[in-house]
Amino acid sequence: MNAPQTMEDLMTQALAIEREAVARYNELADIMAAHNNGEVATLFRQMAGYEQHHVQHILAEMGWADDVVSPLHGGMWTTPEAPETVAFEDVHYLMHPWHALKLALAAEQRAQDFFEQLARGAVSDSIRRAAEEMRDEEAEHVALVKQWMAKVPKPDEDWAEDPDPPRYID
């Protein structure tokens, strides 16, 4: 992982992570809505709103306009998608809110770890402090998602059994 050389580098990467999370949570909400899973769709939309708040915070902090371009690919992360992005393949159309929160928890933990790595490799104290601040914000999100998970029931083992599976007709 390449360490950011300037504050702009760091914040551009943070902006890209947050924007990708907003887009993915909205996409997942659309998928859940299409499958009549309104409860999980609502939860994903709420999470997209939280991530959008982070986007606005970064833009305001840096004095950037809303149309500032951030890299969608080729970030400082080593995976195809940004650390805070939930993978499509981890989503099931019959998932429960507990599953959505479990996915969000993993995403927040990956983001926390990412910013920790950036803080450790920072080339200046100001970049290190900013990366630590972002790491700490992600840690707060981890704690929040854990609190939410404690409030929703964990689904039974047979949660994915579809009582009306799709039928394929030749």
Foldseek 3Di string as FASTA:
>chain_A
DDADQDPCLVLLLLLLQLVQLLVQLQVVLVLLVVLVNNVQSVVSNVVSVVSVVVNVVSCVVVVHDSPDDGDNADRPDDDRGRLLHQDPVQDDNLDDNLSSLVSNLRSLVSLLVVLVVNLVVHPDPVSNVVSVVSSVVSVVVNVVSVVVSVVDDDDDPCSRDDPDDDDDDD
